[in-house]
């Protein structure tokens, strides 16, 4: 197999590998669900109680799901495990 044939085969394989990435007929359902999630987040984002910043928050580390859930639990907010769209 020549170099040009190999390059054409690789280009075709690369082009065809992107096809499963399209949302296709589900795109409308995805958009509707995203709108529901955004509305729910917007409604709850500013309405909850606030807490002072902890010393762990100032250590320049990413929070873990457990630390977020613990903080929300102390404030009486919904945790990610109990929230449903």
C-alpha atoms as a PDB file:
ATOM      1  CA  UNK A   1       0.000   0.000   0.000  1.00  0.00           C
ATOM      2  CA  UNK A   2       1.372   3.365  -1.016  1.00  0.00           C
ATOM      3  CA  UNK A   3       1.760   6.386   1.225  1.00  0.00           C
ATOM      4  CA  UNK A   4      -1.072   8.265  -0.522  1.00  0.00           C
ATOM      5  CA  UNK A   5      -3.443   5.325  -0.126  1.00  0.00           C
ATOM      6  CA  UNK A   6      -2.536   5.017   3.547  1.00  0.00           C
ATOM      7  CA  UNK A   7      -3.122   8.726   4.139  1.00  0.00           C
ATOM      8  CA  UNK A   8      -6.505   8.525   2.382  1.00  0.00           C
ATOM      9  CA  UNK A   9      -7.470   5.535   4.529  1.00  0.00           C
ATOM     10  CA  UNK A  10      -6.412   7.306   7.732  1.00  0.00           C
ATOM     11  CA  UNK A  11      -8.302  10.464   6.721  1.00  0.00           C
ATOM     12  CA  UNK A  12     -11.454   8.445   5.991  1.00  0.00           C
ATOM     13  CA  UNK A  13     -11.205   6.605   9.305  1.00  0.00           C
ATOM     14  CA  UNK A  14     -10.734   9.886  11.153  1.00  0.00           C
ATOM     15  CA  UNK A  15     -13.738  11.459   9.426  1.00  0.00           C
ATOM     16  CA  UNK A  16     -15.948   8.455  10.169  1.00  0.00           C
ATOM     17  CA  UNK A  17     -14.871   8.315  13.816  1.00  0.00           C
ATOM     18  CA  UNK A  18     -16.598  11.654  14.488  1.00  0.00           C
ATOM     19  CA  UNK A  19     -20.056  10.410  13.457  1.00  0.00           C
ATOM     20  CA  UNK A  20     -21.018   8.819  16.817  1.00  0.00           C
ATOM     21  CA  UNK A  21     -20.360  12.162  18.524  1.00  0.00           C
ATOM     22  CA  UNK A  22     -23.407  13.887  17.049  1.00  0.00           C
ATOM     23  CA  UNK A  23     -26.505  14.186  19.256  1.00  0.00           C
ATOM     24  CA  UNK A  24     -28.760  13.597  16.254  1.00  0.00           C
ATOM     25  CA  UNK A  25     -32.435  13.103  17.103  1.00  0.00           C
ATOM     26  CA  UNK A  26     -31.765  13.540  20.845  1.00  0.00           C
ATOM     27  CA  UNK A  27     -30.588  17.145  20.551  1.00  0.00           C
ATOM     28  CA  UNK A  28     -34.036  18.602  21.279  1.00  0.00           C
ATOM     29  CA  UNK A  29     -34.423  16.453  24.407  1.00  0.00           C
ATOM     30  CA  UNK A  30     -30.913  17.420  25.518  1.00  0.00           C
ATOM     31  CA  UNK A  31     -31.706  21.117  25.050  1.00  0.00           C
ATOM     32  CA  UNK A  32     -34.942  20.781  27.048  1.00  0.00           C
ATOM     33  CA  UNK A  33     -33.193  18.991  29.911  1.00  0.00           C
ATOM     34  CA  UNK A  34     -30.394  21.573  29.933  1.00  0.00           C
ATOM     35  CA  UNK A  35     -32.988  24.365  30.161  1.00  0.00           C
ATOM     36  CA  UNK A  36     -34.657  22.611  33.127  1.00  0.00           C
ATOM     37  CA  UNK A  37     -31.325  22.162  34.892  1.00  0.00           C
ATOM     38  CA  UNK A  38     -30.306  25.776  34.263  1.00  0.00           C
ATOM     39  CA  UNK A  39     -33.649  27.067  35.581  1.00  0.00           C
ATOM     40  CA  UNK A  40     -33.358  24.929  38.713  1.00  0.00           C
ATOM     41  CA  UNK A  41     -29.774  26.043  39.350  1.00  0.00           C
ATOM     42  CA  UNK A  42     -30.657  29.706  38.810  1.00  0.00           C
ATOM     43  CA  UNK A  43     -33.591  29.451  41.206  1.00  0.00           C
ATOM     44  CA  UNK A  44     -31.536  27.854  43.981  1.00  0.00           C
ATOM     45  CA  UNK A  45     -28.145  29.518  43.450  1.00  0.00           C
ATOM     46  CA  UNK A  46     -28.827  32.788  45.257  1.00  0.00           C
ATOM     47  CA  UNK A  47     -31.601  31.675  47.555  1.00  0.00           C
ATOM     48  CA  UNK A  48     -29.708  29.501  50.001  1.00  0.00           C
ATOM     49  CA  UNK A  49     -28.013  30.494  53.225  1.00  0.00           C
ATOM     50  CA  UNK A  50     -24.386  31.565  53.225  1.00  0.00           C
ATOM     51  CA  UNK A  51     -21.613  30.358  55.486  1.00  0.00           C
ATOM     52  CA  UNK A  52     -18.223  31.847  56.295  1.00  0.00           C
ATOM     53  CA  UNK A  53     -15.262  30.624  54.272  1.00  0.00           C
ATOM     54  CA  UNK A  54     -13.515  27.726  55.971  1.00  0.00           C
ATOM     55  CA  UNK A  55      -9.768  27.364  56.347  1.00  0.00           C
ATOM     56  CA  UNK A  56      -9.872  24.387  53.960  1.00  0.00           C
ATOM     57  CA  UNK A  57     -11.323  26.666  51.268  1.00  0.00           C
ATOM     58  CA  UNK A  58      -8.232  28.876  51.380  1.00  0.00           C
ATOM     59  CA  UNK A  59      -5.738  26.065  50.746  1.00  0.00           C
ATOM     60  CA  UNK A  60      -5.915  26.319  46.923  1.00  0.00           C
ATOM     61  CA  UNK A  61      -7.259  22.799  46.432  1.00  0.00           C
ATOM     62  CA  UNK A  62     -10.266  21.612  44.520  1.00  0.00           C
ATOM     63  CA  UNK A  63     -13.201  20.633  46.736  1.00  0.00           C
ATOM     64  CA  UNK A  64     -14.229  17.000  46.769  1.00  0.00           C
ATOM     65  CA  UNK A  65     -17.837  15.897  46.323  1.00  0.00           C
ATOM     66  CA  UNK A  66     -17.786  14.792  49.957  1.00  0.00           C
ATOM     67  CA  UNK A  67     -16.636  18.181  51.255  1.00  0.00           C
ATOM     68  CA  UNK A  68     -19.265  19.960  49.159  1.00  0.00           C
ATOM     69  CA  UNK A  69     -21.986  17.628  50.434  1.00  0.00           C
ATOM     70  CA  UNK A  70     -20.806  18.129  54.022  1.00  0.00           C
ATOM     71  CA  UNK A  71     -20.913  21.917  53.648  1.00  0.00           C
ATOM     72  CA  UNK A  72     -24.358  21.831  52.093  1.00  0.00           C
ATOM     73  CA  UNK A  73     -25.531  19.466  54.804  1.00  0.00           C
ATOM     74  CA  UNK A  74     -24.472  21.932  57.491  1.00  0.00           C
ATOM     75  CA  UNK A  75     -26.504  24.625  55.750  1.00  0.00           C
ATOM     76  CA  UNK A  76     -29.500  22.336  55.179  1.00  0.00           C
ATOM     77  CA  UNK A  77     -29.296  22.545  51.396  1.00  0.00           C
ATOM     78  CA  UNK A  78     -29.845  19.829  48.837  1.00  0.00           C
ATOM     79  CA  UNK A  79     -26.853  17.614  48.268  1.00  0.00           C
ATOM     80  CA  UNK A  80     -25.954  16.391  44.758  1.00  0.00           C
ATOM     81  CA  UNK A  81     -27.026  12.867  45.701  1.00  0.00           C
ATOM     82  CA  UNK A  82     -30.610  13.891  46.547  1.00  0.00           C
ATOM     83  CA  UNK A  83     -31.157  16.471  43.814  1.00  0.00           C
ATOM     84  CA  UNK A  84     -33.276  15.384  40.862  1.00  0.00           C
ATOM     85  CA  UNK A  85     -34.161  17.516  37.785  1.00  0.00           C
END
